Amino acid sequence: MSRRQPAKRVLRAVLYLRISDLTDTSTSIPRQEKAGCRKAEDVDAKVVEVYKDEDKSGYHEYVKRPGFDAALDALRDGRADVLIVFKVDRATRQGIPQAAEIIRIVYMTGCRFISIMDGIDSANEGWELQLTIAAHQAHKESKNTADRVGDLRRNERDAGRWMGHRPYGFRVTPERKLELHPEEAETIRVIAARVLDGETLRSVARWLNLQGYDSPRWASRKERIKQLESKGEPLKVQKLREKPMKSPNSWSWPVIRRLLTSPTMAGYLPHKGEIYRHAETGEMVRVGPEILSFADYSQLRAMFGHPVPVHWTRAAIPGGRSKDTKRPIRGLLADFLYCGECGSRMEYDTTFSRNGSPVPRYRCKRRSMGGRCPGVLMYAHNAEDLVAAAVLSRIGALEPDDPSLLAIAQRWADQAEPDAAARRAELEGLIQEEERFLERLEDEKLNGLFKGQRGEARFRRRYQASNDRLEQYEKELAGLPSQQSVNIGFIDEIESLAKSVSHLVDR
């Protein structure tokens, strides 16, 4: 009798496929899948699942890749014996840390990892080193690309060219400039007029929804679909139609606030929420025509906690705390100076003394902590005197309607009327707190914490009471002296201003 041969175990393989930018003419995904199936046959494995991530970056950590996570879970749960990728850079471009996770899973489960184009197979000796080197190289390639793109974007910003998605109220020309979208621009003007007349953002949002205006996100999607249809790209049209909206087609008060405070409303190029200034000249860069006058735009910014456009302020008097870092301010230039060698913050140091008296200095914080930096060091009085002289010279050359001059005037007025300034800051904080509370209430209601008639009644009472307080705060804030009507007559008192600045420096 012949002995029965034991059945040969069939390996279960999963394929992982990824492409960063899927287009109608792209063949990358089919080619990756074909090569993966062929490799599975070579190692006597059966493909049981194919995981894909389309239009997903493998470099940025904030990008979620459900296909890659599912492929790794299949290995962890024992539902697969082999993971096959076309190339390591398809699996990851995040460098050695993510490669180490793949190695850990292979060690823990005994599964097999194969990268076709790199010739990596965990069944071979030294595959860990091969994977680590390939992952590092993939990360470096992406980083170099990101650096080149960053440099390109800086040049494009200096030239005043638009690089993002179409902003509401505008169309993007082939030269990457902005031109007005007549209907949407008129909608923005109506919104601004109602807000400047004293209506709350919430009431304006309700009115827009009742009138049936498309929200900015929805309007941009409709415009994009029209463009893709005219270009004959049905795959992208289908993907865009199927992509879920993060929020419904409705206006909300945060949308209106972001819209009205965007520099594009005044025709300027935005960057990190402010008007972009040319890297060499420091001039504000225009990107298209204005929808709102600069005066209206400035007033709107002031209403929402920005005293003057493109002007960053903080509690600069030593003895207070920075509004941004919350650290105590001991020197006038704290939070503003950075090391010219390594880019670290310059700290205010009073430990050095000469003839028994302390000599304040600004020094590189990395250097002081033992970091690898030759360090930058300067005496505090020299740096502060230089900045004070430059500020006074600049003030004397400003036009009466210059935004910087208006900001200085506001600070001057706040010193003259500290009670009004303190109340304004207090009201702005109360308004922000009430808005956060209303957002929490809305989230809790969506999560089902207010159930039944009693829960609904309790939600309404709390929501209405908070909304009443919010409107009361906004009304009182609107009744305070307008920040844009401050007196700039101090420009004729430069000597007094110089003494004031000198007093701060001496402190």
Protein backbone atom coordinates (compact mmCIF):
# COMPACT_ATOMS: atom_id res chain seq x y z
CA MET A 1 0.00 0.00 0.00
CA SER A 2 1.19 3.49 -0.79
CA ARG A 3 1.35 5.95 2.06
CA ARG A 4 -0.92 9.04 1.78
CA GLN A 5 1.05 12.23 1.19
CA PRO A 6 0.13 15.11 3.55
CA ALA A 7 -1.76 17.93 1.83
CA LYS A 8 0.46 20.86 1.01
CA ARG A 9 -0.52 24.00 2.95
CA VAL A 10 -1.66 26.81 0.70
CA LEU A 11 -0.39 30.21 1.84
CA ARG A 12 -2.93 33.01 2.06
CA ALA A 13 -1.64 36.23 0.50
CA VAL A 14 -2.95 39.79 0.69
CA LEU A 15 -1.93 42.50 -1.73
CA TYR A 16 -1.55 46.15 -0.80
CA LEU A 17 -1.82 48.72 -3.62
CA ARG A 18 -1.48 52.50 -3.33
CA ILE A 19 -1.43 55.53 -5.60
CA SER A 20 -1.11 59.15 -4.49
CA ASP A 21 -3.10 60.75 -7.32
CA LEU A 22 -5.58 58.65 -9.27
CA THR A 23 -6.49 59.97 -12.71
CA ASP A 24 -8.63 58.69 -15.58
CA THR A 25 -5.52 57.62 -17.53
CA SER A 26 -3.58 56.07 -14.62
CA THR A 27 -2.69 52.36 -14.92
CA SER A 28 -0.63 52.08 -11.72
CA ILE A 29 -3.18 50.19 -9.62
CA PRO A 30 -3.90 47.49 -12.27
CA ARG A 31 -0.17 47.03 -12.90
CA GLN A 32 0.55 46.69 -9.18
CA GLU A 33 -2.23 44.12 -8.81
CA LYS A 34 -1.07 42.11 -11.83
CA ALA A 35 2.52 41.97 -10.55
CA GLY A 36 1.30 41.03 -7.06
CA CYS A 37 -0.83 38.13 -8.35
CA ARG A 38 2.08 36.84 -10.41
CA LYS A 39 4.37 36.98 -7.37
CA ALA A 40 1.78 35.11 -5.27
CA GLU A 41 1.77 32.29 -7.83
CA ASP A 42 5.57 32.14 -7.71
CA VAL A 43 5.57 31.54 -3.94
CA ASP A 44 2.62 29.08 -4.11
CA ALA A 45 0.22 31.46 -2.38
CA LYS A 46 -3.43 32.26 -3.02
CA VAL A 47 -4.55 35.88 -3.05
CA VAL A 48 -7.42 36.12 -0.57
CA GLU A 49 -7.77 39.89 -0.35
CA VAL A 50 -6.64 43.03 -2.17
CA TYR A 51 -6.41 46.25 -0.17
CA LYS A 52 -6.16 49.61 -1.93
CA ASP A 53 -5.54 53.22 -0.97
CA GLU A 54 -6.28 55.57 -3.86
CA ASP A 55 -5.48 59.29 -3.71
CA LYS A 56 -3.64 58.69 -0.42
CA SER A 57 -0.18 59.99 0.44
CA GLY A 58 2.22 57.56 2.04
CA TYR A 59 4.42 60.39 3.38
CA HIS A 60 2.18 62.56 5.55
CA GLU A 61 1.40 61.08 8.96
CA TYR A 62 -1.95 62.87 9.21
CA VAL A 63 -3.30 61.02 6.13
CA LYS A 64 -5.45 58.04 7.10
CA ARG A 65 -4.84 54.92 4.99
CA PRO A 66 -7.59 52.41 5.80
CA GLY A 67 -6.32 49.93 3.20
CA PHE A 68 -2.83 49.74 4.72
CA ASP A 69 -4.22 49.46 8.25
CA ALA A 70 -6.55 46.64 7.13
CA ALA A 71 -3.67 44.77 5.48
CA LEU A 72 -1.61 44.91 8.69
CA ASP A 73 -4.65 43.84 10.74
CA ALA A 74 -5.07 40.81 8.48
CA LEU A 75 -1.53 39.75 9.40
CA ARG A 76 -2.00 40.43 13.11
CA ASP A 77 -5.29 38.49 13.24
CA GLY A 78 -3.88 35.47 11.39
CA ARG A 79 -6.15 35.91 8.37
CA ALA A 80 -3.16 36.05 6.00
CA ASP A 81 0.28 34.51 5.78
CA VAL A 82 1.94 36.79 3.20
CA LEU A 83 1.81 40.56 2.54
CA ILE A 84 2.91 41.49 -0.98
CA VAL A 85 3.59 45.06 -2.10
CA PHE A 86 4.87 46.25 -5.47
CA LYS A 87 7.56 48.42 -3.88
CA VAL A 88 8.40 49.58 -0.37
CA ASP A 89 7.44 53.16 -1.23
CA ARG A 90 3.91 51.87 -1.99
CA ALA A 91 3.67 50.56 1.57
CA THR A 92 5.21 53.56 3.31
CA ARG A 93 7.15 56.76 2.79
CA GLN A 94 7.30 57.57 6.49
CA GLY A 95 10.76 56.11 6.96
CA ILE A 96 12.24 53.70 9.46
CA PRO A 97 9.52 53.89 12.21
CA GLN A 98 6.82 52.38 9.99
CA ALA A 99 9.27 49.88 8.54
CA ALA A 100 10.01 48.80 12.12
CA GLU A 101 6.29 48.18 12.65
CA ILE A 102 6.25 45.81 9.65
CA ILE A 103 9.32 43.99 11.02
CA ARG A 104 7.67 43.69 14.44
CA ILE A 105 4.53 42.15 12.93
CA VAL A 106 6.60 39.62 10.96
CA TYR A 107 8.50 38.63 14.11
CA MET A 108 5.32 38.43 16.19
CA THR A 109 3.12 36.44 13.78
CA GLY A 110 5.65 34.54 11.68
CA CYS A 111 4.06 35.85 8.49
CA ARG A 112 5.97 36.82 5.37
CA PHE A 113 6.60 40.22 3.79
CA ILE A 114 7.53 40.60 0.10
CA SER A 115 8.41 43.73 -1.87
CA ILE A 116 8.60 42.79 -5.55
CA MET A 117 10.69 45.57 -7.11
CA ASP A 118 13.08 45.88 -4.14
CA GLY A 119 13.76 42.13 -4.04
CA ILE A 120 12.89 41.97 -0.35
CA ASP A 121 11.55 38.71 1.09
CA SER A 122 11.40 38.06 4.82
CA ALA A 123 12.21 34.41 4.08
CA ASN A 124 15.76 35.53 3.26
CA GLU A 125 18.53 36.54 5.64
CA GLY A 126 19.17 40.26 6.05
CA TRP A 127 15.75 41.33 4.80
CA GLU A 128 15.32 43.64 7.81
CA LEU A 129 18.31 45.74 6.75
CA GLN A 130 17.07 45.85 3.15
CA LEU A 131 13.63 47.03 4.26
CA THR A 132 15.07 49.68 6.58
CA ILE A 133 17.31 51.11 3.86
CA ALA A 134 14.51 51.11 1.27
CA ALA A 135 12.08 52.80 3.69
CA HIS A 136 14.66 55.46 4.57
CA GLN A 137 15.33 56.12 0.88
CA ALA A 138 11.60 56.42 0.14
CA HIS A 139 11.16 58.88 3.00
CA LYS A 140 14.15 60.93 1.85
CA GLU A 141 12.79 61.12 -1.72
CA SER A 142 9.45 62.42 -0.45
CA LYS A 143 11.12 64.92 1.87
CA ASN A 144 13.24 66.27 -0.98
CA THR A 145 10.12 66.59 -3.11
CA ALA A 146 8.34 68.41 -0.26
CA ASP A 147 11.28 70.82 0.06
CA ARG A 148 11.22 71.55 -3.67
CA VAL A 149 7.46 72.09 -3.61
CA GLY A 150 7.81 74.38 -0.59
CA ASP A 151 10.37 76.51 -2.41
CA LEU A 152 8.12 76.59 -5.49
CA ARG A 153 5.17 77.71 -3.39
CA ARG A 154 7.18 80.53 -1.82
CA ASN A 155 8.07 81.81 -5.28
CA GLU A 156 4.46 81.49 -6.41
CA ARG A 157 3.26 83.44 -3.37
CA ASP A 158 5.76 86.21 -4.06
CA ALA A 159 4.36 86.40 -7.61
CA GLY A 160 0.81 86.66 -6.24
CA ARG A 161 -0.46 83.42 -7.77
CA TRP A 162 -3.26 81.38 -6.21
CA MET A 163 -2.37 77.72 -5.47
CA GLY A 164 -5.26 76.35 -3.44
CA HIS A 165 -8.85 75.34 -4.07
CA ARG A 166 -11.21 77.91 -5.52
CA PRO A 167 -12.20 80.37 -2.79
CA TYR A 168 -15.84 81.31 -2.40
CA GLY A 169 -16.59 84.51 -4.29
CA PHE A 170 -13.89 84.04 -6.92
CA ARG A 171 -12.89 82.06 -9.96
CA VAL A 172 -9.28 81.01 -10.63
CA THR A 173 -7.86 82.11 -13.99
CA PRO A 174 -5.36 80.03 -16.02
CA GLU A 175 -2.65 82.43 -14.78
CA ARG A 176 -3.57 81.41 -11.20
CA LYS A 177 -5.03 84.81 -10.40
CA LEU A 178 -8.48 85.42 -8.93
CA GLU A 179 -11.42 87.05 -10.67
CA LEU A 180 -14.82 87.80 -9.21
CA HIS A 181 -17.65 85.30 -9.27
CA PRO A 182 -20.55 87.77 -9.68
CA GLU A 183 -23.28 85.89 -7.78
CA GLU A 184 -21.09 84.71 -4.91
CA ALA A 185 -19.36 88.09 -4.57
CA GLU A 186 -22.75 89.79 -4.22
CA THR A 187 -23.73 87.24 -1.56
CA ILE A 188 -20.60 88.11 0.42
CA ARG A 189 -21.37 91.83 0.21
CA VAL A 190 -24.89 91.18 1.53
CA ILE A 191 -23.50 89.11 4.40
CA ALA A 192 -20.95 91.79 5.29
CA ALA A 193 -23.59 94.53 5.21
CA ARG A 194 -25.87 92.63 7.58
CA VAL A 195 -23.02 91.88 10.00
CA LEU A 196 -21.80 95.48 9.95
CA ASP A 197 -25.37 96.60 10.66
CA GLY A 198 -25.25 94.68 13.92
CA GLU A 199 -26.76 91.28 13.13
CA THR A 200 -25.21 88.28 14.82
CA LEU A 201 -23.41 85.62 12.82
CA ARG A 202 -25.98 83.03 13.84
CA SER A 203 -28.91 85.12 12.66
CA VAL A 204 -27.19 85.78 9.32
CA ALA A 205 -26.53 82.03 8.94
CA ARG A 206 -30.21 81.27 9.61
CA TRP A 207 -31.26 83.86 7.03
CA LEU A 208 -28.91 82.41 4.39
CA ASN A 209 -30.25 78.92 4.97
CA LEU A 210 -33.86 80.11 4.74
CA GLN A 211 -33.07 81.90 1.48
CA GLY A 212 -31.54 78.73 0.06
CA TYR A 213 -28.02 80.02 -0.67
CA ASP A 214 -25.46 77.29 -1.37
CA SER A 215 -22.80 77.08 1.33
CA PRO A 216 -19.19 77.72 0.21
CA ARG A 217 -18.23 74.04 0.36
CA TRP A 218 -21.26 72.98 -1.66
CA ALA A 219 -20.83 75.79 -4.20
CA SER A 220 -17.16 74.88 -4.70
CA ARG A 221 -18.07 71.23 -5.26
CA LYS A 222 -20.67 72.13 -7.88
CA GLU A 223 -18.19 74.40 -9.66
CA ARG A 224 -15.50 71.70 -9.59
CA ILE A 225 -17.88 69.10 -11.02
CA LYS A 226 -18.70 71.43 -13.92
CA GLN A 227 -15.00 71.93 -14.65
CA LEU A 228 -14.27 68.18 -14.61
CA GLU A 229 -17.25 67.44 -16.85
CA SER A 230 -16.06 70.02 -19.35
CA LYS A 231 -12.59 68.40 -19.34
CA GLY A 232 -14.06 64.93 -19.92
CA GLU A 233 -12.89 63.30 -16.67
CA PRO A 234 -15.83 61.10 -15.61
CA LEU A 235 -13.83 59.10 -13.05
CA LYS A 236 -12.98 62.19 -11.02
CA VAL A 237 -16.56 63.44 -11.37
CA GLN A 238 -17.90 60.17 -9.99
CA LYS A 239 -15.45 60.16 -7.09
CA LEU A 240 -16.32 63.74 -6.19
CA ARG A 241 -20.06 63.04 -6.30
CA GLU A 242 -19.64 60.00 -4.05
CA LYS A 243 -17.31 61.72 -1.59
CA PRO A 244 -19.29 62.52 1.59
CA MET A 245 -19.48 66.11 2.79
CA LYS A 246 -17.94 66.81 6.19
CA SER A 247 -20.92 69.02 6.94
CA PRO A 248 -24.39 69.41 5.38
CA ASN A 249 -25.18 72.01 2.74
CA SER A 250 -25.84 74.74 5.27
CA TRP A 251 -24.29 77.94 6.52
CA SER A 252 -22.96 78.23 10.07
CA TRP A 253 -21.47 81.08 12.06
CA PRO A 254 -17.85 79.75 11.91
CA VAL A 255 -18.11 79.56 8.10
CA ILE A 256 -19.27 83.18 7.90
CA ARG A 257 -16.56 84.40 10.27
CA ARG A 258 -13.80 82.64 8.34
CA LEU A 259 -15.21 83.99 5.09
CA LEU A 260 -15.42 87.63 6.18
CA THR A 261 -11.98 87.67 7.82
CA SER A 262 -10.15 86.06 4.89
CA PRO A 263 -7.63 88.43 3.22
CA THR A 264 -9.05 87.46 -0.18
CA MET A 265 -12.09 89.63 0.61
CA ALA A 266 -9.82 92.68 0.28
CA GLY A 267 -8.01 91.22 -2.75
CA TYR A 268 -4.88 90.08 -0.90
CA LEU A 269 -3.15 86.70 -0.84
CA PRO A 270 -3.71 84.85 2.45
CA HIS A 271 -1.08 82.82 4.25
CA LYS A 272 -1.65 81.23 7.67
CA GLY A 273 -4.70 83.42 8.23
CA GLU A 274 -2.98 86.72 7.50
CA ILE A 275 -2.16 88.81 4.43
CA TYR A 276 0.98 87.45 2.82
CA ARG A 277 3.92 89.83 2.55
CA HIS A 278 6.59 89.59 -0.12
CA ALA A 279 9.67 87.76 1.13
CA GLU A 280 12.04 90.57 0.10
CA THR A 281 10.07 93.82 0.00
CA GLY A 282 7.65 93.10 2.83
CA GLU A 283 4.78 94.56 0.79
CA MET A 284 1.31 93.02 0.96
CA VAL A 285 0.80 90.80 -2.10
CA ARG A 286 -2.40 91.16 -4.13
CA VAL A 287 -4.00 88.15 -5.79
CA GLY A 288 -7.15 89.61 -7.34
CA PRO A 289 -9.87 92.28 -7.11
CA GLU A 290 -11.51 93.16 -3.82
CA ILE A 291 -15.03 92.18 -2.83
CA LEU A 292 -15.08 94.34 0.30
CA SER A 293 -13.34 97.65 0.81
CA PHE A 294 -10.27 97.53 2.99
CA ALA A 295 -12.04 99.73 5.55
CA ASP A 296 -14.98 97.30 5.85
CA TYR A 297 -12.61 94.36 5.93
CA SER A 298 -10.60 96.02 8.72
CA GLN A 299 -13.76 96.69 10.70
CA LEU A 300 -14.89 93.09 10.34
CA ARG A 301 -11.53 91.83 11.52
CA ALA A 302 -11.78 94.13 14.52
CA MET A 303 -15.25 92.83 15.36
CA PHE A 304 -13.96 89.26 15.54
CA GLY A 305 -10.96 89.88 17.74
CA HIS A 306 -8.39 91.10 15.19
CA PRO A 307 -7.75 94.80 15.99
CA VAL A 308 -6.06 95.52 12.66
CA PRO A 309 -5.42 93.32 9.61
CA VAL A 310 -1.97 91.73 9.22
CA HIS A 311 -0.91 93.06 12.65
CA TRP A 312 -0.03 90.58 15.39
CA THR A 313 -0.30 91.90 18.95
CA ARG A 314 0.38 90.47 22.37
CA ALA A 315 0.85 91.69 25.94
CA ALA A 316 4.37 93.03 25.33
CA ILE A 317 4.99 94.75 28.66
CA PRO A 318 7.43 92.86 30.90
CA GLY A 319 5.66 91.41 33.89
CA GLY A 320 2.72 90.07 31.87
CA ARG A 321 2.24 86.82 30.01
CA SER A 322 2.36 86.08 26.30
CA LYS A 323 -1.09 85.54 24.80
CA ASP A 324 0.39 82.90 22.50
CA THR A 325 2.87 80.91 24.59
CA LYS A 326 1.43 81.82 28.05
CA ARG A 327 5.01 82.29 29.30
CA PRO A 328 5.94 85.25 31.54
CA ILE A 329 7.37 88.15 29.55
CA ARG A 330 10.63 89.43 30.98
CA GLY A 331 11.98 91.24 27.91
CA LEU A 332 10.30 93.42 25.31
CA LEU A 333 11.48 91.22 22.45
CA ALA A 334 10.59 87.88 24.03
CA ASP A 335 8.68 85.67 21.54
CA PHE A 336 9.94 87.79 18.64
CA LEU A 337 13.66 87.01 18.35
CA TYR A 338 14.96 83.79 16.78
CA CYS A 339 18.51 82.51 16.45
CA GLY A 340 20.00 83.27 13.03
CA GLU A 341 22.04 80.03 13.12
CA CYS A 342 19.49 77.34 14.06
CA GLY A 343 16.13 79.14 14.16
CA SER A 344 15.45 78.45 17.87
CA ARG A 345 13.86 81.07 20.10
CA MET A 346 16.07 83.64 21.79
CA GLU A 347 15.53 83.67 25.55
CA TYR A 348 15.87 86.66 27.88
CA ASP A 349 18.76 85.96 30.25
CA THR A 350 19.71 87.96 33.37
CA THR A 351 22.25 85.56 34.89
CA PHE A 352 25.28 87.36 33.43
CA SER A 353 26.67 90.19 35.55
CA ARG A 354 29.44 92.74 35.24
CA ASN A 355 30.92 94.64 38.19
CA GLY A 356 28.25 93.11 40.39
CA SER A 357 25.34 94.34 38.24
CA PRO A 358 23.23 92.05 36.03
CA VAL A 359 23.52 92.64 32.27
CA PRO A 360 20.40 91.31 30.51
CA ARG A 361 21.01 89.49 27.22
CA TYR A 362 19.10 87.64 24.52
CA ARG A 363 20.69 84.29 23.72
CA CYS A 364 19.95 81.17 21.67
CA LYS A 365 17.86 78.81 23.77
CA ARG A 366 19.21 75.69 22.05
CA ARG A 367 22.76 76.80 22.78
CA SER A 368 21.93 77.48 26.43
CA MET A 369 20.45 73.96 26.74
CA GLY A 370 23.63 72.36 25.38
CA GLY A 371 22.39 71.92 21.80
CA ARG A 372 24.58 71.83 18.70
CA CYS A 373 24.47 75.48 17.70
CA PRO A 374 27.25 78.07 17.71
CA GLY A 375 24.63 80.38 19.20
CA VAL A 376 23.67 84.01 18.83
CA LEU A 377 24.09 86.40 21.75
CA MET A 378 23.27 90.11 22.06
CA TYR A 379 22.91 92.59 24.89
CA ALA A 380 19.26 93.32 25.61
CA HIS A 381 19.60 97.11 25.72
CA ASN A 382 21.33 97.18 22.33
CA ALA A 383 18.64 95.03 20.69
CA GLU A 384 15.75 96.94 22.30
CA ASP A 385 17.21 100.37 21.51
CA LEU A 386 17.72 99.33 17.89
CA VAL A 387 14.14 98.06 17.57
CA ALA A 388 12.72 101.13 19.33
CA ALA A 389 14.60 103.47 16.98
CA ALA A 390 13.43 101.50 13.95
CA VAL A 391 9.81 101.57 15.17
CA LEU A 392 9.82 105.31 15.76
CA SER A 393 11.39 105.94 12.35
CA ARG A 394 8.76 103.73 10.74
CA ILE A 395 5.88 105.44 12.57
CA GLY A 396 6.97 108.84 11.34
CA ALA A 397 6.84 107.68 7.71
CA LEU A 398 3.40 106.00 7.84
CA GLU A 399 0.29 107.28 6.12
CA PRO A 400 -2.70 108.16 8.37
CA ASP A 401 -4.72 105.12 7.20
CA ASP A 402 -1.89 102.59 7.40
CA PRO A 403 -2.96 99.40 9.26
CA SER A 404 0.13 99.43 11.46
CA LEU A 405 -0.55 103.00 12.52
CA LEU A 406 -4.14 102.10 13.39
CA ALA A 407 -2.88 99.22 15.53
CA ILE A 408 -0.47 101.49 17.39
CA ALA A 409 -3.26 104.02 17.84
CA GLN A 410 -5.46 101.35 19.36
CA ARG A 411 -2.77 100.38 21.84
CA TRP A 412 -2.29 104.09 22.64
CA ALA A 413 -6.03 104.49 23.22
CA ASP A 414 -6.13 101.37 25.40
CA GLN A 415 -3.44 102.86 27.63
CA ALA A 416 -5.45 106.08 27.89
CA GLU A 417 -8.68 104.17 28.69
CA PRO A 418 -7.56 100.94 30.37
CA ASP A 419 -11.06 100.20 31.72
CA ALA A 420 -12.58 100.08 28.22
CA ALA A 421 -9.71 97.96 26.93
CA ALA A 422 -10.04 95.55 29.85
CA ARG A 423 -13.80 95.26 29.36
CA ARG A 424 -13.35 94.65 25.64
CA ALA A 425 -10.89 91.84 26.32
CA GLU A 426 -13.21 90.41 28.98
CA LEU A 427 -16.22 90.47 26.63
CA GLU A 428 -14.25 88.84 23.83
CA GLY A 429 -13.26 86.04 26.20
CA LEU A 430 -16.85 85.60 27.39
CA ILE A 431 -18.10 85.47 23.80
CA GLN A 432 -15.57 82.80 22.88
CA GLU A 433 -16.51 80.76 25.95
CA GLU A 434 -20.24 80.95 25.16
CA GLU A 435 -19.59 79.94 21.56
CA ARG A 436 -17.59 76.93 22.75
CA PHE A 437 -20.39 76.03 25.16
CA LEU A 438 -22.99 76.19 22.39
CA GLU A 439 -20.82 73.95 20.23
CA ARG A 440 -20.53 71.42 23.07
CA LEU A 441 -24.30 71.46 23.56
CA GLU A 442 -24.87 70.82 19.87
CA ASP A 443 -22.37 67.94 19.87
CA GLU A 444 -23.97 66.41 22.98
CA LYS A 445 -27.40 66.59 21.35
CA LEU A 446 -26.09 64.87 18.22
CA ASN A 447 -24.58 62.14 20.42
CA GLY A 448 -27.96 61.46 22.00
CA LEU A 449 -27.42 62.91 25.48
CA PHE A 450 -30.74 64.82 25.41
CA LYS A 451 -33.33 62.08 24.90
CA GLY A 452 -37.08 62.31 25.09
CA GLN A 453 -39.28 65.34 25.67
CA ARG A 454 -37.63 66.24 28.97
CA GLY A 455 -34.18 66.05 27.43
CA GLU A 456 -35.28 68.18 24.50
CA ALA A 457 -36.79 70.78 26.85
CA ARG A 458 -33.62 70.82 28.96
CA PHE A 459 -31.49 71.29 25.82
CA ARG A 460 -33.68 74.17 24.64
CA ARG A 461 -33.48 75.94 28.01
CA ARG A 462 -29.70 75.68 28.22
CA TYR A 463 -29.23 76.58 24.57
CA GLN A 464 -31.54 79.61 24.75
CA ALA A 465 -30.00 80.89 27.98
CA SER A 466 -26.49 80.63 26.54
CA ASN A 467 -27.56 82.25 23.28
CA ASP A 468 -29.17 85.13 25.20
CA ARG A 469 -25.94 85.69 27.12
CA LEU A 470 -23.98 85.58 23.88
CA GLU A 471 -26.17 88.21 22.25
CA GLN A 472 -25.94 90.37 25.37
CA TYR A 473 -22.13 90.21 25.29
CA GLU A 474 -22.05 90.97 21.57
CA LYS A 475 -24.39 93.94 22.03
CA GLU A 476 -22.27 95.36 24.84
CA LEU A 477 -19.09 94.83 22.83
CA ALA A 478 -20.61 96.61 19.85
CA GLY A 479 -21.47 99.54 22.13
CA LEU A 480 -17.86 100.10 23.17
CA PRO A 481 -15.87 102.77 21.27
CA SER A 482 -15.02 101.48 17.80
CA GLN A 483 -11.44 100.31 17.47
CA GLN A 484 -11.29 101.81 14.00
CA SER A 485 -12.29 105.31 15.16
CA VAL A 486 -9.28 105.82 17.42
CA ASN A 487 -7.40 109.10 17.39
CA ILE A 488 -4.03 109.01 15.62
CA GLY A 489 -3.08 112.48 16.76
CA PHE A 490 -0.26 110.98 18.80
CA ILE A 491 1.73 110.94 15.56
CA ASP A 492 2.52 114.57 16.31
CA GLU A 493 3.93 113.58 19.69
CA ILE A 494 6.78 111.35 18.60
CA GLU A 495 8.98 112.64 21.42
CA SER A 496 6.40 111.57 24.01
CA LEU A 497 6.11 108.22 22.32
CA ALA A 498 9.89 107.84 22.38
CA LYS A 499 9.90 108.48 26.13
CA SER A 500 7.16 105.89 26.54
CA VAL A 501 9.14 103.33 24.59
CA SER A 502 12.31 104.18 26.51
CA HIS A 503 10.38 103.70 29.75
CA LEU A 504 9.38 100.21 28.66
CA VAL A 505 12.93 99.39 27.64
CA ASP A 506 14.28 100.56 31.00
CA ARG A 507 11.90 98.21 32.70
